[in-house]
Amino acid sequence: MANSKTLVALGYDKIAETYLRRYGLSEVRDRWLGELCLLLPPRARVLDLGCGAGIPVAHELVGRGFDVVGVDGSARQIELALGNVPEAEFVHADMTNIELDPVSFDAVIAFYSITHVPRQEHGMLLRRIAGWLKPGGVFVASFGAQQCDDWSGEWLGAEMYFSHYDSDANKRLIHDAGLSIERAEVVKQDNEDAQFLWIVARRANGKN
């Protein structure tokens, strides 16, 4: 699994600018980002897992007055993000083992990033996410809609890795992590031939 994570990090180091040009615009992503913003209190603290170059997500959130902490395993993506959104905090780290204060975020988001994590670790990652959220905190993320066994190969000019369960399994993992699903919708992407399961979930008020 460590090799797959290194492959993803080095792959995004190589294609960071290419990825931003290819996928920087998405009406689908903008829709879910907009829905997230409607659920947040003023000055909410948001954790962006797989933040990439900070555009458009972290940039939009900062522009709306939210405090953003972005995490990405690619050093080049973090370098770009620091230049693109200097008002946010960015951390070069693996989202599955980064140490963050518990109960410290109003929201956690993961747009197109969890599908790069070995699926055997998705349950553990979701439990960590639930622990980072404040009571009542919101989780918005995209997941694979169909099962994908560990896949690696050429993607956008670099070696890349994808791994995910199907929609039903993903929803079970989210529930098992202690998060209550408020919305779950499979949506076809507008900028590639793919579809994702989009989730809006919440940590219960009180102890998880």
N, C-alpha and C. Protein backbone atom coordinates (compact mmCIF):
# COMPACT_ATOMS: atom_id res chain seq x y z
N MET A 1 0.82 -1.21 0.00
CA MET A 1 0.00 0.00 0.00
C MET A 1 0.85 1.26 0.00
N ALA A 2 2.01 1.19 0.69
CA ALA A 2 2.90 2.36 0.70
C ALA A 2 3.36 2.70 -0.71
N ASN A 3 3.63 1.68 -1.53
CA ASN A 3 4.06 1.94 -2.90
C ASN A 3 2.98 2.64 -3.71
N SER A 4 1.72 2.27 -3.49
CA SER A 4 0.64 2.92 -4.23
C SER A 4 0.53 4.40 -3.84
N LYS A 5 0.74 4.71 -2.59
CA LYS A 5 0.66 6.10 -2.15
C LYS A 5 1.82 6.92 -2.71
N THR A 6 2.99 6.33 -2.77
CA THR A 6 4.13 7.01 -3.38
C THR A 6 3.87 7.23 -4.86
N LEU A 7 3.28 6.24 -5.52
CA LEU A 7 2.96 6.37 -6.94
C LEU A 7 2.02 7.54 -7.18
N VAL A 8 0.98 7.68 -6.35
CA VAL A 8 0.03 8.79 -6.48
C VAL A 8 0.72 10.12 -6.25
N ALA A 9 1.52 10.21 -5.19
CA ALA A 9 2.19 11.47 -4.87
C ALA A 9 3.13 11.89 -5.98
N LEU A 10 3.94 10.97 -6.46
CA LEU A 10 4.89 11.31 -7.52
C LEU A 10 4.17 11.58 -8.83
N GLY A 11 3.08 10.86 -9.05
CA GLY A 11 2.29 11.11 -10.26
C GLY A 11 1.74 12.52 -10.29
N TYR A 12 1.19 12.98 -9.17
CA TYR A 12 0.66 14.34 -9.13
C TYR A 12 1.76 15.39 -9.13
N ASP A 13 2.92 15.05 -8.59
CA ASP A 13 4.06 15.97 -8.74
C ASP A 13 4.31 16.25 -10.22
N LYS A 14 4.19 15.20 -11.03
CA LYS A 14 4.50 15.30 -12.46
C LYS A 14 3.41 16.01 -13.24
N ILE A 15 2.15 15.78 -12.87
CA ILE A 15 1.04 16.27 -13.70
C ILE A 15 0.23 17.38 -13.03
N ALA A 16 0.76 18.01 -12.01
CA ALA A 16 -0.01 19.01 -11.25
C ALA A 16 -0.61 20.08 -12.16
N GLU A 17 0.20 20.66 -13.01
CA GLU A 17 -0.29 21.72 -13.89
C GLU A 17 -1.24 21.15 -14.95
N THR A 18 -0.91 19.97 -15.48
CA THR A 18 -1.78 19.33 -16.47
C THR A 18 -3.15 19.03 -15.88
N TYR A 19 -3.16 18.52 -14.66
CA TYR A 19 -4.43 18.19 -13.99
C TYR A 19 -5.29 19.44 -13.81
N LEU A 20 -4.67 20.53 -13.40
CA LEU A 20 -5.42 21.76 -13.18
C LEU A 20 -6.02 22.28 -14.48
N ARG A 21 -5.26 22.21 -15.57
CA ARG A 21 -5.80 22.64 -16.86
C ARG A 21 -6.94 21.74 -17.31
N ARG A 22 -6.80 20.45 -17.08
CA ARG A 22 -7.79 19.48 -17.57
C ARG A 22 -9.05 19.46 -16.73
N TYR A 23 -8.91 19.56 -15.40
CA TYR A 23 -10.05 19.36 -14.50
C TYR A 23 -10.34 20.57 -13.61
N GLY A 24 -9.73 21.70 -13.92
CA GLY A 24 -9.93 22.87 -13.07
C GLY A 24 -11.35 23.40 -13.07
N LEU A 25 -12.10 23.11 -14.13
CA LEU A 25 -13.49 23.55 -14.22
C LEU A 25 -14.42 22.35 -14.18
N SER A 26 -15.43 22.40 -13.32
CA SER A 26 -16.42 21.33 -13.23
C SER A 26 -17.69 21.85 -12.60
N GLU A 27 -18.77 21.81 -13.34
CA GLU A 27 -20.05 22.22 -12.78
C GLU A 27 -20.50 21.28 -11.67
N VAL A 28 -20.15 20.00 -11.80
CA VAL A 28 -20.52 19.03 -10.76
C VAL A 28 -19.85 19.39 -9.45
N ARG A 29 -18.55 19.58 -9.49
CA ARG A 29 -17.83 19.94 -8.26
C ARG A 29 -18.33 21.26 -7.71
N ASP A 30 -18.57 22.23 -8.57
CA ASP A 30 -19.06 23.53 -8.10
C ASP A 30 -20.40 23.40 -7.39
N ARG A 31 -21.24 22.51 -7.89
CA ARG A 31 -22.55 22.30 -7.26
C ARG A 31 -22.40 21.82 -5.82
N TRP A 32 -21.54 20.81 -5.63
CA TRP A 32 -21.40 20.26 -4.27
C TRP A 32 -20.64 21.20 -3.35
N LEU A 33 -19.72 21.95 -3.91
CA LEU A 33 -19.04 22.97 -3.11
C LEU A 33 -20.03 24.03 -2.66
N GLY A 34 -20.91 24.43 -3.56
CA GLY A 34 -21.93 25.41 -3.20
C GLY A 34 -22.86 24.90 -2.12
N GLU A 35 -23.24 23.62 -2.22
CA GLU A 35 -24.11 23.05 -1.20
C GLU A 35 -23.41 22.99 0.16
N LEU A 36 -22.11 22.67 0.14
CA LEU A 36 -21.35 22.68 1.39
C LEU A 36 -21.40 24.06 2.03
N CYS A 37 -21.14 25.10 1.24
CA CYS A 37 -21.09 26.45 1.79
C CYS A 37 -22.39 26.85 2.46
N LEU A 38 -23.50 26.37 1.95
CA LEU A 38 -24.80 26.69 2.55
C LEU A 38 -24.98 26.04 3.92
N LEU A 39 -24.21 24.99 4.19
CA LEU A 39 -24.34 24.26 5.45
C LEU A 39 -23.39 24.76 6.53
N LEU A 40 -22.49 25.67 6.18
CA LEU A 40 -21.44 26.09 7.11
C LEU A 40 -21.81 27.34 7.88
N PRO A 41 -21.39 27.41 9.15
CA PRO A 41 -21.56 28.65 9.91
C PRO A 41 -20.50 29.66 9.49
N PRO A 42 -20.68 30.93 9.80
CA PRO A 42 -19.65 31.93 9.49
C PRO A 42 -18.31 31.55 10.10
N ARG A 43 -17.25 31.83 9.34
CA ARG A 43 -15.87 31.56 9.78
C ARG A 43 -15.63 30.08 10.09
N ALA A 44 -16.37 29.22 9.45
CA ALA A 44 -16.19 27.78 9.67
C ALA A 44 -14.77 27.36 9.31
N ARG A 45 -14.29 26.35 10.03
CA ARG A 45 -12.95 25.79 9.76
C ARG A 45 -13.15 24.52 8.94
N VAL A 46 -12.53 24.49 7.76
CA VAL A 46 -12.76 23.41 6.80
C VAL A 46 -11.45 22.70 6.50
N LEU A 47 -11.48 21.37 6.55
CA LEU A 47 -10.34 20.54 6.19
C LEU A 47 -10.56 19.99 4.79
N ASP A 48 -9.65 20.29 3.88
CA ASP A 48 -9.75 19.87 2.48
C ASP A 48 -8.72 18.78 2.24
N LEU A 49 -9.19 17.53 2.16
CA LEU A 49 -8.31 16.38 1.97
C LEU A 49 -8.11 16.14 0.47
N GLY A 50 -6.86 16.19 0.04
CA GLY A 50 -6.57 16.12 -1.38
C GLY A 50 -6.84 17.46 -2.03
N CYS A 51 -6.26 18.49 -1.47
CA CYS A 51 -6.58 19.88 -1.85
C CYS A 51 -6.01 20.26 -3.20
N GLY A 52 -5.05 19.49 -3.71
CA GLY A 52 -4.45 19.83 -5.00
C GLY A 52 -3.81 21.21 -4.98
N ALA A 53 -3.95 21.94 -6.07
CA ALA A 53 -3.30 23.25 -6.22
C ALA A 53 -4.08 24.37 -5.55
N GLY A 54 -5.15 24.02 -4.82
CA GLY A 54 -5.90 25.05 -4.09
C GLY A 54 -6.96 25.75 -4.92
N ILE A 55 -6.99 25.46 -6.21
CA ILE A 55 -7.96 26.07 -7.13
C ILE A 55 -8.83 24.96 -7.72
N PRO A 56 -10.13 25.10 -7.68
CA PRO A 56 -10.88 26.27 -7.22
C PRO A 56 -11.38 26.18 -5.77
N VAL A 57 -11.24 25.00 -5.13
CA VAL A 57 -11.99 24.75 -3.90
C VAL A 57 -11.50 25.62 -2.74
N ALA A 58 -10.24 25.49 -2.36
CA ALA A 58 -9.74 26.28 -1.23
C ALA A 58 -9.87 27.78 -1.52
N HIS A 59 -9.61 28.17 -2.75
CA HIS A 59 -9.72 29.58 -3.12
C HIS A 59 -11.14 30.09 -2.92
N GLU A 60 -12.12 29.30 -3.33
CA GLU A 60 -13.52 29.70 -3.18
C GLU A 60 -13.91 29.77 -1.70
N LEU A 61 -13.49 28.79 -0.93
CA LEU A 61 -13.84 28.76 0.50
C LEU A 61 -13.24 29.95 1.24
N VAL A 62 -11.98 30.27 0.96
CA VAL A 62 -11.34 31.43 1.60
C VAL A 62 -12.07 32.71 1.18
N GLY A 63 -12.44 32.78 -0.09
CA GLY A 63 -13.15 33.96 -0.57
C GLY A 63 -14.49 34.17 0.10
N ARG A 64 -15.07 33.09 0.60
CA ARG A 64 -16.36 33.18 1.31
C ARG A 64 -16.18 33.37 2.81
N GLY A 65 -14.94 33.55 3.26
CA GLY A 65 -14.69 33.86 4.66
C GLY A 65 -14.45 32.68 5.57
N PHE A 66 -14.18 31.49 4.98
CA PHE A 66 -13.93 30.32 5.80
C PHE A 66 -12.43 30.11 6.01
N ASP A 67 -12.07 29.47 7.10
CA ASP A 67 -10.69 29.12 7.39
C ASP A 67 -10.41 27.73 6.82
N VAL A 68 -9.38 27.60 6.02
CA VAL A 68 -9.14 26.35 5.29
C VAL A 68 -7.78 25.77 5.64
N VAL A 69 -7.78 24.46 5.89
CA VAL A 69 -6.55 23.69 6.02
C VAL A 69 -6.58 22.64 4.90
N GLY A 70 -5.63 22.71 3.99
CA GLY A 70 -5.56 21.76 2.90
C GLY A 70 -4.45 20.75 3.12
N VAL A 71 -4.72 19.50 2.76
CA VAL A 71 -3.75 18.42 2.90
C VAL A 71 -3.60 17.72 1.56
N ASP A 72 -2.37 17.47 1.15
CA ASP A 72 -2.14 16.73 -0.09
C ASP A 72 -0.81 15.99 0.00
N GLY A 73 -0.77 14.82 -0.62
CA GLY A 73 0.45 14.02 -0.59
C GLY A 73 1.47 14.44 -1.62
N SER A 74 1.09 15.30 -2.56
CA SER A 74 2.00 15.76 -3.61
C SER A 74 2.68 17.06 -3.20
N ALA A 75 3.99 17.04 -3.16
CA ALA A 75 4.74 18.24 -2.80
C ALA A 75 4.52 19.36 -3.81
N ARG A 76 4.42 19.01 -5.08
CA ARG A 76 4.21 20.04 -6.10
C ARG A 76 2.82 20.67 -5.98
N GLN A 77 1.82 19.87 -5.69
CA GLN A 77 0.48 20.42 -5.50
C GLN A 77 0.46 21.40 -4.32
N ILE A 78 1.12 21.05 -3.25
CA ILE A 78 1.17 21.94 -2.09
C ILE A 78 1.92 23.23 -2.43
N GLU A 79 2.99 23.10 -3.19
CA GLU A 79 3.74 24.29 -3.61
C GLU A 79 2.85 25.23 -4.40
N LEU A 80 2.07 24.68 -5.33
CA LEU A 80 1.16 25.50 -6.11
C LEU A 80 0.07 26.12 -5.24
N ALA A 81 -0.46 25.32 -4.32
CA ALA A 81 -1.53 25.81 -3.45
C ALA A 81 -1.07 26.99 -2.59
N LEU A 82 0.13 26.90 -2.07
CA LEU A 82 0.65 27.99 -1.24
C LEU A 82 0.73 29.29 -2.03
N GLY A 83 1.05 29.20 -3.31
CA GLY A 83 1.09 30.39 -4.13
C GLY A 83 -0.28 30.87 -4.56
N ASN A 84 -1.18 29.92 -4.82
CA ASN A 84 -2.51 30.27 -5.31
C ASN A 84 -3.45 30.80 -4.22
N VAL A 85 -3.30 30.28 -3.00
CA VAL A 85 -4.20 30.66 -1.91
C VAL A 85 -3.38 30.90 -0.65
N PRO A 86 -2.65 32.00 -0.59
CA PRO A 86 -1.76 32.24 0.56
C PRO A 86 -2.51 32.44 1.87
N GLU A 87 -3.81 32.70 1.81
CA GLU A 87 -4.59 32.92 3.04
C GLU A 87 -4.92 31.60 3.75
N ALA A 88 -4.78 30.49 3.06
CA ALA A 88 -5.09 29.19 3.65
C ALA A 88 -3.82 28.54 4.20
N GLU A 89 -4.02 27.49 4.99
CA GLU A 89 -2.91 26.69 5.51
C GLU A 89 -2.85 25.39 4.73
N PHE A 90 -1.66 25.02 4.27
CA PHE A 90 -1.51 23.80 3.49
C PHE A 90 -0.43 22.91 4.10
N VAL A 91 -0.71 21.61 4.11
CA VAL A 91 0.19 20.64 4.73
C VAL A 91 0.49 19.54 3.74
N HIS A 92 1.78 19.27 3.54
CA HIS A 92 2.20 18.16 2.69
C HIS A 92 2.21 16.89 3.54
N ALA A 93 1.22 16.02 3.35
CA ALA A 93 1.11 14.83 4.18
C ALA A 93 0.16 13.84 3.54
N ASP A 94 0.25 12.60 3.98
CA ASP A 94 -0.68 11.54 3.60
C ASP A 94 -1.93 11.68 4.47
N MET A 95 -3.09 11.82 3.84
CA MET A 95 -4.31 12.04 4.60
C MET A 95 -4.66 10.87 5.52
N THR A 96 -4.11 9.69 5.26
CA THR A 96 -4.47 8.53 6.09
C THR A 96 -3.68 8.45 7.39
N ASN A 97 -2.60 9.23 7.50
CA ASN A 97 -1.83 9.15 8.76
C ASN A 97 -1.45 10.51 9.34
N ILE A 98 -1.96 11.60 8.76
CA ILE A 98 -1.68 12.92 9.32
C ILE A 98 -2.31 13.02 10.71
N GLU A 99 -1.62 13.70 11.62
CA GLU A 99 -2.14 13.90 12.97
C GLU A 99 -2.77 15.29 13.06
N LEU A 100 -4.06 15.32 13.34
CA LEU A 100 -4.81 16.57 13.49
C LEU A 100 -5.58 16.54 14.79
N ASP A 101 -5.84 17.71 15.34
CA ASP A 101 -6.57 17.77 16.61
C ASP A 101 -7.98 17.22 16.43
N PRO A 102 -8.43 16.36 17.34
CA PRO A 102 -9.80 15.86 17.25
C PRO A 102 -10.81 16.97 17.50
N VAL A 103 -11.99 16.79 16.95
CA VAL A 103 -13.14 17.68 17.16
C VAL A 103 -12.75 19.14 16.88
N SER A 104 -12.08 19.38 15.76
CA SER A 104 -11.54 20.71 15.50
C SER A 104 -11.99 21.33 14.17
N PHE A 105 -12.84 20.62 13.41
CA PHE A 105 -13.27 21.15 12.12
C PHE A 105 -14.79 21.16 12.02
N ASP A 106 -15.30 22.23 11.43
CA ASP A 106 -16.73 22.32 11.17
C ASP A 106 -17.11 21.49 9.95
N ALA A 107 -16.16 21.25 9.07
CA ALA A 107 -16.42 20.45 7.88
C ALA A 107 -15.14 19.79 7.41
N VAL A 108 -15.29 18.62 6.82
CA VAL A 108 -14.20 17.94 6.12
C VAL A 108 -14.70 17.63 4.72
N ILE A 109 -13.88 17.93 3.72
CA ILE A 109 -14.25 17.63 2.35
C ILE A 109 -13.15 16.80 1.69
N ALA A 110 -13.56 15.98 0.72
CA ALA A 110 -12.61 15.16 -0.03
C ALA A 110 -13.18 14.99 -1.43
N PHE A 111 -12.76 15.86 -2.33
CA PHE A 111 -13.27 15.86 -3.70
C PHE A 111 -12.29 15.11 -4.60
N TYR A 112 -12.69 13.96 -5.10
CA TYR A 112 -11.91 13.16 -6.04
C TYR A 112 -10.57 12.69 -5.47
N SER A 113 -10.49 12.54 -4.17
CA SER A 113 -9.21 12.15 -3.56
C SER A 113 -9.23 10.79 -2.88
N ILE A 114 -10.34 10.42 -2.26
CA ILE A 114 -10.39 9.14 -1.54
C ILE A 114 -10.24 7.97 -2.50
N THR A 115 -10.62 8.14 -3.76
CA THR A 115 -10.47 7.06 -4.74
C THR A 115 -9.01 6.77 -5.06
N HIS A 116 -8.08 7.59 -4.60
CA HIS A 116 -6.65 7.31 -4.75
C HIS A 116 -6.08 6.56 -3.53
N VAL A 117 -6.89 6.36 -2.51
CA VAL A 117 -6.45 5.67 -1.29
C VAL A 117 -6.82 4.20 -1.40
N PRO A 118 -5.93 3.28 -1.02
CA PRO A 118 -6.29 1.86 -1.05
C PRO A 118 -7.61 1.62 -0.31
N ARG A 119 -8.52 0.94 -0.96
CA ARG A 119 -9.87 0.82 -0.41
C ARG A 119 -9.90 0.11 0.94
N GLN A 120 -8.89 -0.73 1.19
CA GLN A 120 -8.82 -1.39 2.49
C GLN A 120 -8.65 -0.39 3.62
N GLU A 121 -8.22 0.84 3.30
CA GLU A 121 -8.00 1.87 4.30
C GLU A 121 -9.15 2.89 4.37
N HIS A 122 -10.16 2.73 3.55
CA HIS A 122 -11.24 3.72 3.52
C HIS A 122 -12.00 3.76 4.84
N GLY A 123 -12.27 2.61 5.42
CA GLY A 123 -13.00 2.59 6.69
C GLY A 123 -12.24 3.30 7.79
N MET A 124 -10.95 3.03 7.88
CA MET A 124 -10.11 3.70 8.88
C MET A 124 -10.07 5.19 8.64
N LEU A 125 -9.93 5.60 7.38
CA LEU A 125 -9.89 7.03 7.06
C LEU A 125 -11.20 7.71 7.44
N LEU A 126 -12.31 7.08 7.17
CA LEU A 126 -13.60 7.67 7.51
C LEU A 126 -13.78 7.80 9.02
N ARG A 127 -13.27 6.86 9.78
CA ARG A 127 -13.33 6.99 11.24
C ARG A 127 -12.47 8.16 11.72
N ARG A 128 -11.33 8.36 11.09
CA ARG A 128 -10.49 9.51 11.43
C ARG A 128 -11.20 10.81 11.10
N ILE A 129 -11.84 10.85 9.94
CA ILE A 129 -12.60 12.05 9.54
C ILE A 129 -13.69 12.36 10.55
N ALA A 130 -14.43 11.33 10.96
CA ALA A 130 -15.48 11.54 11.96
C ALA A 130 -14.91 12.10 13.25
N GLY A 131 -13.72 11.66 13.61
CA GLY A 131 -13.09 12.15 14.83
C GLY A 131 -12.62 13.59 14.74
N TRP A 132 -12.28 14.04 13.53
CA TRP A 132 -11.83 15.43 13.36
C TRP A 132 -12.99 16.41 13.37
N LEU A 133 -14.19 15.93 13.07
CA LEU A 133 -15.34 16.82 13.00
C LEU A 133 -15.86 17.22 14.37
N LYS A 134 -16.30 18.45 14.47
CA LYS A 134 -17.03 18.88 15.66
C LYS A 134 -18.41 18.23 15.65
N PRO A 135 -19.06 18.11 16.81
CA PRO A 135 -20.44 17.63 16.82
C PRO A 135 -21.30 18.46 15.87
N GLY A 136 -22.03 17.78 15.02
CA GLY A 136 -22.83 18.46 14.01
C GLY A 136 -22.06 18.84 12.77
N GLY A 137 -20.76 18.54 12.74
CA GLY A 137 -19.93 18.89 11.59
C GLY A 137 -20.31 18.13 10.34
N VAL A 138 -19.98 18.70 9.19
CA VAL A 138 -20.42 18.19 7.89
C VAL A 138 -19.26 17.55 7.14
N PHE A 139 -19.56 16.45 6.47
CA PHE A 139 -18.61 15.77 5.60
C PHE A 139 -19.20 15.70 4.20
N VAL A 140 -18.48 16.25 3.22
CA VAL A 140 -18.91 16.20 1.82
C VAL A 140 -17.77 15.61 1.01
N ALA A 141 -18.07 14.58 0.23
CA ALA A 141 -17.00 13.89 -0.49
C ALA A 141 -17.55 13.13 -1.68
N SER A 142 -16.65 12.83 -2.60
CA SER A 142 -16.96 11.96 -3.73
C SER A 142 -16.29 10.61 -3.51
N PHE A 143 -17.01 9.56 -3.88
CA PHE A 143 -16.53 8.19 -3.78
C PHE A 143 -16.76 7.49 -5.11
N GLY A 144 -16.12 6.35 -5.29
CA GLY A 144 -16.41 5.54 -6.46
C GLY A 144 -17.85 5.07 -6.45
N ALA A 145 -18.45 5.01 -7.63
CA ALA A 145 -19.82 4.53 -7.74
C ALA A 145 -19.86 3.03 -8.02
N GLN A 146 -18.82 2.50 -8.62
CA GLN A 146 -18.70 1.07 -8.86
C GLN A 146 -17.39 0.57 -8.26
N GLN A 147 -17.34 -0.73 -8.03
CA GLN A 147 -16.14 -1.32 -7.44
C GLN A 147 -14.97 -1.23 -8.42
N CYS A 148 -13.83 -0.89 -7.88
CA CYS A 148 -12.59 -0.86 -8.65
C CYS A 148 -11.50 -1.55 -7.85
N ASP A 149 -11.07 -2.71 -8.32
CA ASP A 149 -9.93 -3.36 -7.69
C ASP A 149 -8.72 -2.45 -7.86
N ASP A 150 -7.73 -2.63 -7.02
CA ASP A 150 -6.55 -1.78 -7.09
C ASP A 150 -6.06 -1.69 -8.53
N TRP A 151 -6.10 -0.49 -9.10
CA TRP A 151 -5.71 -0.28 -10.49
C TRP A 151 -4.57 0.71 -10.56
N SER A 152 -3.58 0.39 -11.35
CA SER A 152 -2.51 1.35 -11.62
C SER A 152 -2.20 1.30 -13.11
N GLY A 153 -1.83 2.45 -13.64
CA GLY A 153 -1.52 2.55 -15.05
C GLY A 153 -1.32 3.99 -15.44
N GLU A 154 -1.15 4.23 -16.74
CA GLU A 154 -0.90 5.57 -17.23
C GLU A 154 -2.18 6.40 -17.20
N TRP A 155 -2.09 7.62 -16.68
CA TRP A 155 -3.23 8.53 -16.57
C TRP A 155 -2.73 9.96 -16.65
N LEU A 156 -3.16 10.68 -17.64
CA LEU A 156 -2.73 12.06 -17.88
C LEU A 156 -1.22 12.20 -18.05
N GLY A 157 -0.57 11.12 -18.46
CA GLY A 157 0.86 11.19 -18.69
C GLY A 157 1.73 10.77 -17.53
N ALA A 158 1.12 10.18 -16.49
CA ALA A 158 1.89 9.71 -15.34
C ALA A 158 1.30 8.39 -14.85
N GLU A 159 2.08 7.64 -14.13
CA GLU A 159 1.56 6.44 -13.48
C GLU A 159 0.66 6.86 -12.33
N MET A 160 -0.53 6.27 -12.26
CA MET A 160 -1.49 6.65 -11.24
C MET A 160 -2.16 5.41 -10.69
N TYR A 161 -2.85 5.59 -9.57
CA TYR A 161 -3.47 4.47 -8.84
C TYR A 161 -4.86 4.87 -8.39
N PHE A 162 -5.83 3.95 -8.55
CA PHE A 162 -7.20 4.15 -8.09
C PHE A 162 -7.67 2.89 -7.38
N SER A 163 -8.55 3.08 -6.38
CA SER A 163 -9.07 1.94 -5.63
C SER A 163 -10.33 2.38 -4.91
N HIS A 164 -11.44 1.64 -5.11
CA HIS A 164 -12.66 1.99 -4.38
C HIS A 164 -13.68 0.87 -4.42
N TYR A 165 -14.64 0.96 -3.50
CA TYR A 165 -15.76 0.04 -3.43
C TYR A 165 -16.92 0.59 -4.25
N ASP A 166 -18.03 -0.16 -4.27
CA ASP A 166 -19.22 0.35 -4.95
C ASP A 166 -20.02 1.24 -4.00
N SER A 167 -21.11 1.81 -4.50
CA SER A 167 -21.88 2.80 -3.73
C SER A 167 -22.41 2.23 -2.42
N ASP A 168 -22.98 1.03 -2.46
CA ASP A 168 -23.57 0.46 -1.26
C ASP A 168 -22.52 0.22 -0.19
N ALA A 169 -21.36 -0.30 -0.58
CA ALA A 169 -20.30 -0.54 0.38
C ALA A 169 -19.79 0.77 0.96
N ASN A 170 -19.66 1.79 0.13
CA ASN A 170 -19.20 3.09 0.63
C ASN A 170 -20.17 3.66 1.66
N LYS A 171 -21.45 3.54 1.40
CA LYS A 171 -22.44 4.06 2.35
C LYS A 171 -22.39 3.30 3.67
N ARG A 172 -22.14 2.01 3.61
CA ARG A 172 -22.01 1.24 4.86
C ARG A 172 -20.79 1.70 5.65
N LEU A 173 -19.69 1.94 4.97
CA LEU A 173 -18.48 2.38 5.66
C LEU A 173 -18.69 3.73 6.33
N ILE A 174 -19.39 4.62 5.65
CA ILE A 174 -19.67 5.94 6.22
C ILE A 174 -20.54 5.80 7.47
N HIS A 175 -21.55 4.97 7.39
CA HIS A 175 -22.42 4.73 8.55
C HIS A 175 -21.62 4.12 9.70
N ASP A 176 -20.78 3.14 9.37
CA ASP A 176 -19.99 2.46 10.41
C ASP A 176 -18.99 3.39 11.08
N ALA A 177 -18.61 4.46 10.38
CA ALA A 177 -17.67 5.44 10.96
C ALA A 177 -18.36 6.38 11.95
N GLY A 178 -19.69 6.28 12.04
CA GLY A 178 -20.42 7.13 12.96
C GLY A 178 -20.97 8.40 12.33
N LEU A 179 -21.05 8.41 11.02
CA LEU A 179 -21.58 9.57 10.31
C LEU A 179 -22.96 9.26 9.76
N SER A 180 -23.84 10.23 9.83
CA SER A 180 -25.22 10.07 9.35
C SER A 180 -25.35 10.68 7.97
N ILE A 181 -25.71 9.86 6.99
CA ILE A 181 -25.81 10.34 5.61
C ILE A 181 -27.09 11.14 5.42
N GLU A 182 -26.94 12.37 4.95
CA GLU A 182 -28.08 13.22 4.66
C GLU A 182 -28.45 13.22 3.18
N ARG A 183 -27.43 13.03 2.32
CA ARG A 183 -27.67 12.93 0.89
C ARG A 183 -26.66 11.98 0.30
N ALA A 184 -27.12 11.19 -0.67
CA ALA A 184 -26.23 10.29 -1.41
C ALA A 184 -26.74 10.24 -2.84
N GLU A 185 -25.90 10.62 -3.78
CA GLU A 185 -26.35 10.71 -5.17
C GLU A 185 -25.20 10.34 -6.11
N VAL A 186 -25.48 9.43 -7.04
CA VAL A 186 -24.51 9.10 -8.08
C VAL A 186 -24.69 10.10 -9.22
N VAL A 187 -23.59 10.77 -9.57
CA VAL A 187 -23.64 11.84 -10.56
C VAL A 187 -22.59 11.60 -11.63
N LYS A 188 -22.98 11.76 -12.89
CA LYS A 188 -22.04 11.67 -14.00
C LYS A 188 -21.24 12.95 -14.07
N GLN A 189 -19.94 12.80 -14.24
CA GLN A 189 -19.07 13.97 -14.36
C GLN A 189 -19.35 14.73 -15.64
N ASP A 190 -19.13 16.02 -15.58
CA ASP A 190 -19.31 16.86 -16.75
C ASP A 190 -18.02 17.04 -17.55
N ASN A 191 -16.87 16.65 -16.97
CA ASN A 191 -15.60 16.89 -17.64
C ASN A 191 -14.81 15.62 -17.93
N GLU A 192 -15.43 14.45 -17.74
CA GLU A 192 -14.80 13.18 -18.09
C GLU A 192 -15.88 12.09 -18.11
N ASP A 193 -15.56 10.97 -18.71
CA ASP A 193 -16.50 9.86 -18.79
C ASP A 193 -16.39 9.03 -17.52
N ALA A 194 -16.99 9.51 -16.46
CA ALA A 194 -16.93 8.84 -15.16
C ALA A 194 -18.11 9.31 -14.32
N GLN A 195 -18.45 8.53 -13.32
CA GLN A 195 -19.46 8.95 -12.37
C GLN A 195 -18.99 8.63 -10.96
N PHE A 196 -19.46 9.44 -10.02
CA PHE A 196 -19.04 9.31 -8.63
C PHE A 196 -20.27 9.31 -7.73
N LEU A 197 -20.12 8.67 -6.60
CA LEU A 197 -21.10 8.77 -5.52
C LEU A 197 -20.75 9.98 -4.67
N TRP A 198 -21.67 10.95 -4.63
CA TRP A 198 -21.46 12.13 -3.79
C TRP A 198 -22.24 11.97 -2.49
N ILE A 199 -21.58 12.30 -1.41
CA ILE A 199 -22.14 12.11 -0.07
C ILE A 199 -22.13 13.43 0.70
N VAL A 200 -23.23 13.72 1.35
CA VAL A 200 -23.27 14.74 2.40
C VAL A 200 -23.66 14.02 3.67
N ALA A 201 -22.78 14.04 4.65
CA ALA A 201 -23.02 13.34 5.92
C ALA A 201 -22.68 14.28 7.07
N ARG A 202 -23.10 13.88 8.25
CA ARG A 202 -22.90 14.74 9.40
C ARG A 202 -22.56 13.91 10.63
N ARG A 203 -21.66 14.45 11.43
CA ARG A 203 -21.41 13.85 12.74
C ARG A 203 -22.53 14.26 13.69
N ALA A 204 -23.01 13.30 14.44
CA ALA A 204 -24.11 13.58 15.37
C ALA A 204 -23.67 14.60 16.43
N ASN A 205 -24.62 15.37 16.91
CA ASN A 205 -24.36 16.23 18.06
C ASN A 205 -24.11 15.35 19.27
N GLY A 206 -23.15 15.71 20.07
CA GLY A 206 -22.77 14.86 21.19
C GLY A 206 -21.62 13.97 20.78
N LYS A 207 -21.29 13.01 21.59
CA LYS A 207 -20.15 12.15 21.34
C LYS A 207 -20.43 11.22 20.17
N ASN A 208 -19.37 10.97 19.38
CA ASN A 208 -19.49 10.08 18.24
C ASN A 208 -19.49 8.63 18.70
